[in-house]
Amino acid sequence: MVQTPSGGAGDGAAAAGTGLMSIGTVLSVLREEFPEVTISKIRFLESEGLIEPQRTPSGYRKFSAGDVERLGHVLRMQRDHYLPLKVIREHLDAMERGEAVQLPVLGRPGDGDTAQESAAEGPAAARIGRGRLLAAAGIDERTLAEWESYGLLAPVEDGMYDAESVTVAGLITELGRFGIEPRHLRAMKAAADREAGLVDQVVAPLKRHRNPQTRAHAQARTKELAGLTVKLHAALVRAALGIRLP
């Protein structure tokens, strides 16, 4: 469960006497569980109708504890169940009506596979169109084309992008504010591809196994190894820069 701040710096960003939070405070709260979330991602989810924060007279977003909790549900369902936003929205609406609902498992299409086997292959990732990606990242076609030319983003199929592309786009934008250009990020992309290749090499025998439970275990092992790889990468960067966390 995403915990809302009960005091300290978070209260300073909240609207006085209301307990409402700024988008920056919400980002800090969510990053405890979702380190890759960005302001662009939050705005995108708002544009898709998943949350409806209040607005100040000058147009600033103010989020309630309920908004933060709902965002946590959305991000968790994307991360853990790979559900498309339409399904997530229907699930949350049902929850608000007090209905007991069970999260669906979206399996990849198979030819004659059983439901258990399809689920073991892993859930289908959420997809967004090019237009929605541009809107979420706040960029134009020329910028996206430049990022694609450096291999930082690429459609997965039929011109659609996976949901993680929104996070990647947001981070590229944020780094750009510090003068780090897309061409500078090619080394990061190459390193990420090598790390992914290493993880895939470890789990490949499990993925090819005929037993669907073993293939399901491959999915869990992939997530576990990915998490460890990301933590190691972050620790190595901090060590190289001589940064110590408080």
Protein backbone atom coordinates (compact mmCIF):
# COMPACT_ATOMS: atom_id res chain seq x y z
CA MET A 1 0.00 0.00 0.00
CA VAL A 2 1.29 3.48 -0.79
CA GLN A 3 1.66 5.44 2.42
CA THR A 4 0.96 9.16 2.42
CA PRO A 5 3.28 11.43 4.37
CA SER A 6 2.19 12.33 7.87
CA GLY A 7 4.63 15.14 8.43
CA GLY A 8 7.87 16.80 7.42
CA ALA A 9 8.72 18.02 3.95
CA GLY A 10 5.58 16.58 2.39
CA ASP A 11 3.34 18.82 4.48
CA GLY A 12 5.13 21.89 3.21
CA ALA A 13 4.01 21.10 -0.34
CA ALA A 14 0.42 20.38 0.67
CA ALA A 15 -2.21 23.04 0.42
CA ALA A 16 -2.44 24.75 3.80
CA GLY A 17 -5.00 23.15 6.08
CA THR A 18 -6.33 20.76 3.40
CA GLY A 19 -3.86 17.88 3.39
CA LEU A 20 -3.69 18.09 -0.40
CA MET A 21 -0.34 17.42 -2.05
CA SER A 22 1.52 18.87 -5.01
CA ILE A 23 2.54 16.64 -7.89
CA GLY A 24 6.14 16.81 -6.69
CA THR A 25 5.17 15.51 -3.25
CA VAL A 26 3.09 12.74 -4.84
CA LEU A 27 6.10 11.77 -6.94
CA SER A 28 8.27 11.47 -3.81
CA VAL A 29 5.65 9.29 -2.09
CA LEU A 30 5.19 6.97 -5.06
CA ARG A 31 8.90 6.56 -5.74
CA GLU A 32 9.29 4.67 -2.47
CA GLU A 33 7.55 1.75 -4.18
CA PHE A 34 7.85 2.74 -7.84
CA PRO A 35 11.36 4.20 -8.38
CA GLU A 36 10.86 4.67 -12.12
CA VAL A 37 7.67 6.74 -11.95
CA THR A 38 7.90 10.26 -13.36
CA ILE A 39 5.81 13.40 -13.40
CA SER A 40 5.13 12.71 -17.08
CA LYS A 41 3.70 9.30 -16.17
CA ILE A 42 1.40 10.82 -13.53
CA ARG A 43 0.16 13.42 -16.00
CA PHE A 44 -0.40 10.73 -18.60
CA LEU A 45 -2.52 8.67 -16.18
CA GLU A 46 -4.52 11.81 -15.42
CA SER A 47 -5.05 12.45 -19.14
CA GLU A 48 -6.37 8.87 -19.42
CA GLY A 49 -8.96 9.54 -16.71
CA LEU A 50 -7.41 7.25 -14.08
CA ILE A 51 -7.24 10.08 -11.54
CA GLU A 52 -8.86 13.49 -11.24
CA PRO A 53 -6.81 15.75 -8.94
CA GLN A 54 -8.22 19.06 -7.83
CA ARG A 55 -6.95 22.28 -9.39
CA THR A 56 -6.07 25.54 -7.69
CA PRO A 57 -7.38 28.80 -9.20
CA SER A 58 -4.00 29.18 -10.91
CA GLY A 59 -4.22 25.68 -12.39
CA TYR A 60 -1.86 23.71 -10.15
CA ARG A 61 -2.74 20.09 -9.42
CA LYS A 62 -3.50 19.13 -5.82
CA PHE A 63 -3.79 15.45 -4.94
CA SER A 64 -5.68 13.90 -2.05
CA ALA A 65 -4.58 10.80 -0.14
CA GLY A 66 -7.22 8.92 -2.14
CA ASP A 67 -5.67 10.09 -5.40
CA VAL A 68 -2.26 8.81 -4.28
CA GLU A 69 -3.75 5.48 -3.21
CA ARG A 70 -5.50 5.14 -6.58
CA LEU A 71 -2.26 5.94 -8.42
CA GLY A 72 -0.55 3.23 -6.41
CA HIS A 73 -3.22 0.72 -7.48
CA VAL A 74 -2.79 1.71 -11.14
CA LEU A 75 1.00 1.44 -11.10
CA ARG A 76 0.86 -1.85 -9.20
CA MET A 77 -1.56 -3.38 -11.69
CA GLN A 78 0.65 -2.27 -14.58
CA ARG A 79 3.81 -3.58 -12.94
CA ASP A 80 2.50 -6.85 -11.51
CA HIS A 81 -0.27 -7.78 -13.96
CA TYR A 82 0.64 -5.90 -17.18
CA LEU A 83 -2.96 -4.80 -17.58
CA PRO A 84 -4.01 -2.22 -20.18
CA LEU A 85 -5.40 1.04 -18.81
CA LYS A 86 -8.94 0.24 -19.96
CA VAL A 87 -9.01 -2.92 -17.84
CA ILE A 88 -7.44 -1.09 -14.89
CA ARG A 89 -10.07 1.64 -15.11
CA GLU A 90 -12.89 -0.91 -15.14
CA HIS A 91 -11.34 -2.72 -12.18
CA LEU A 92 -11.04 0.49 -10.12
CA ASP A 93 -14.59 1.55 -10.98
CA ALA A 94 -15.84 -1.84 -9.80
CA MET A 95 -13.88 -1.47 -6.56
CA GLU A 96 -15.46 1.93 -5.94
CA ARG A 97 -18.89 0.36 -6.40
CA GLY A 98 -17.99 -2.12 -3.68
CA GLU A 99 -17.90 -5.09 -6.01
CA ALA A 100 -15.58 -8.02 -5.32
CA VAL A 101 -13.47 -8.31 -8.45
CA GLN A 102 -10.51 -10.48 -9.36
CA LEU A 103 -7.65 -9.26 -11.46
CA PRO A 104 -7.69 -10.90 -14.91
CA VAL A 105 -4.61 -12.58 -16.30
CA LEU A 106 -3.93 -11.58 -19.88
CA GLY A 107 -2.02 -14.36 -21.57
CA ARG A 108 -0.28 -14.16 -24.90
CA PRO A 109 -2.25 -15.70 -27.74
CA GLY A 110 -1.40 -19.33 -28.33
CA ASP A 111 -2.50 -22.04 -30.69
CA GLY A 112 -4.39 -24.57 -28.68
CA ASP A 113 -2.64 -23.80 -25.39
CA THR A 114 -4.57 -24.28 -22.20
CA ALA A 115 -5.37 -21.25 -20.05
CA GLN A 116 -2.79 -22.40 -17.54
CA GLU A 117 -0.10 -22.66 -20.19
CA SER A 118 -0.94 -19.23 -21.62
CA ALA A 119 -0.75 -17.65 -18.18
CA ALA A 120 2.61 -19.32 -17.60
CA GLU A 121 4.02 -17.64 -20.69
CA GLY A 122 3.44 -14.30 -18.99
CA PRO A 123 0.80 -11.56 -19.24
CA ALA A 124 0.53 -9.36 -22.28
CA ALA A 125 2.15 -5.98 -21.73
CA ALA A 126 0.08 -2.82 -21.90
CA ARG A 127 0.40 -0.89 -25.16
CA ILE A 128 -0.03 2.77 -26.05
CA GLY A 129 -0.15 4.46 -29.42
CA ARG A 130 2.36 6.94 -30.78
CA GLY A 131 0.03 9.90 -30.26
CA ARG A 132 -0.51 9.09 -26.60
CA LEU A 133 3.21 8.63 -26.05
CA LEU A 134 3.87 12.06 -27.58
CA ALA A 135 1.21 13.62 -25.36
CA ALA A 136 2.43 11.91 -22.19
CA ALA A 137 6.06 12.90 -22.81
CA GLY A 138 5.15 16.40 -24.02
CA ILE A 139 7.30 16.08 -27.15
CA ASP A 140 6.79 16.34 -30.89
CA GLU A 141 7.33 13.88 -33.73
CA ARG A 142 10.78 15.23 -34.53
CA THR A 143 12.02 14.69 -30.99
CA LEU A 144 10.63 11.17 -30.81
CA ALA A 145 12.20 10.35 -34.18
CA GLU A 146 15.56 11.56 -32.85
CA TRP A 147 15.24 9.36 -29.75
CA GLU A 148 14.36 6.40 -31.93
CA SER A 149 17.37 7.04 -34.17
CA TYR A 150 19.58 6.53 -31.11
CA GLY A 151 17.72 3.38 -30.14
CA LEU A 152 16.35 4.84 -26.92
CA LEU A 153 12.73 4.09 -27.85
CA ALA A 154 11.16 1.77 -30.38
CA PRO A 155 7.64 0.49 -31.10
CA VAL A 156 7.13 -3.12 -30.12
CA GLU A 157 4.57 -4.03 -32.79
CA ASP A 158 2.05 -2.39 -35.12
CA GLY A 159 3.40 1.04 -34.22
CA MET A 160 2.46 0.55 -30.56
CA TYR A 161 4.78 1.15 -27.59
CA ASP A 162 4.93 -0.61 -24.27
CA ALA A 163 3.86 1.29 -21.16
CA GLU A 164 7.47 1.56 -19.97
CA SER A 165 8.14 3.87 -22.91
CA VAL A 166 6.34 6.64 -21.03
CA THR A 167 8.79 6.27 -18.15
CA VAL A 168 11.79 6.21 -20.51
CA ALA A 169 10.54 9.30 -22.34
CA GLY A 170 10.02 11.17 -19.09
CA LEU A 171 13.53 10.35 -17.86
CA ILE A 172 15.10 11.39 -21.18
CA THR A 173 13.23 14.70 -20.90
CA GLU A 174 14.38 15.25 -17.32
CA LEU A 175 18.01 14.49 -18.20
CA GLY A 176 17.72 16.91 -21.11
CA ARG A 177 17.10 19.74 -18.66
CA PHE A 178 20.65 19.18 -17.41
CA GLY A 179 22.13 19.33 -20.89
CA ILE A 180 22.36 15.56 -21.35
CA GLU A 181 21.39 14.94 -24.97
CA PRO A 182 19.99 11.72 -26.49
CA ARG A 183 23.31 10.99 -28.21
CA HIS A 184 24.92 10.91 -24.77
CA LEU A 185 22.53 8.17 -23.68
CA ARG A 186 23.54 5.60 -26.30
CA ALA A 187 26.08 4.12 -23.89
CA MET A 188 23.34 3.68 -21.26
CA LYS A 189 21.11 1.93 -23.78
CA ALA A 190 23.95 -0.37 -24.84
CA ALA A 191 24.69 -1.21 -21.19
CA ALA A 192 21.00 -1.91 -20.53
CA ASP A 193 20.85 -4.23 -23.55
CA ARG A 194 23.90 -6.12 -22.29
CA GLU A 195 22.40 -6.45 -18.81
CA ALA A 196 19.11 -7.68 -20.28
CA GLY A 197 21.02 -10.18 -22.39
CA LEU A 198 22.77 -11.51 -19.29
CA VAL A 199 19.45 -11.97 -17.47
CA ASP A 200 17.90 -13.63 -20.50
CA GLN A 201 20.85 -16.00 -20.76
CA VAL A 202 20.26 -17.13 -17.16
CA VAL A 203 16.50 -17.73 -17.54
CA ALA A 204 16.50 -19.03 -21.13
CA PRO A 205 16.55 -22.71 -20.11
CA LEU A 206 13.52 -22.15 -17.88
CA LYS A 207 11.63 -20.31 -20.63
CA ARG A 208 12.13 -23.21 -23.05
CA HIS A 209 10.94 -25.84 -20.59
CA ARG A 210 7.82 -27.81 -21.53
CA ASN A 211 6.37 -27.61 -18.03
CA PRO A 212 4.14 -24.48 -17.80
CA GLN A 213 4.92 -24.08 -14.09
CA THR A 214 8.62 -23.97 -14.88
CA ARG A 215 7.99 -21.31 -17.53
CA ALA A 216 5.97 -19.33 -14.96
CA HIS A 217 8.96 -19.59 -12.64
CA ALA A 218 11.07 -18.08 -15.42
CA GLN A 219 8.89 -14.96 -15.34
CA ALA A 220 9.36 -14.58 -11.60
CA ARG A 221 13.10 -15.21 -11.89
CA THR A 222 13.38 -12.60 -14.67
CA LYS A 223 11.70 -9.96 -12.49
CA GLU A 224 13.91 -10.84 -9.55
CA LEU A 225 17.11 -10.66 -11.60
CA ALA A 226 15.99 -7.43 -13.27
CA GLY A 227 15.42 -5.83 -9.89
CA LEU A 228 18.85 -6.90 -8.63
CA THR A 229 20.49 -5.67 -11.84
CA VAL A 230 18.86 -2.24 -11.54
CA LYS A 231 19.93 -1.95 -7.88
CA LEU A 232 23.51 -2.95 -8.71
CA HIS A 233 23.65 -0.48 -11.59
CA ALA A 234 22.41 2.34 -9.35
CA ALA A 235 24.88 1.41 -6.60
CA LEU A 236 27.78 1.34 -9.06
CA VAL A 237 26.87 4.78 -10.43
CA ARG A 238 26.62 6.21 -6.90
CA ALA A 239 29.97 4.63 -5.99
CA ALA A 240 31.62 6.05 -9.12
CA LEU A 241 30.32 9.53 -8.25
CA GLY A 242 31.21 9.20 -4.57
CA ILE A 243 27.58 9.65 -3.51
CA ARG A 244 26.35 8.13 -0.26
CA LEU A 245 22.65 7.89 0.52
CA PRO A 246 21.55 9.36 3.88
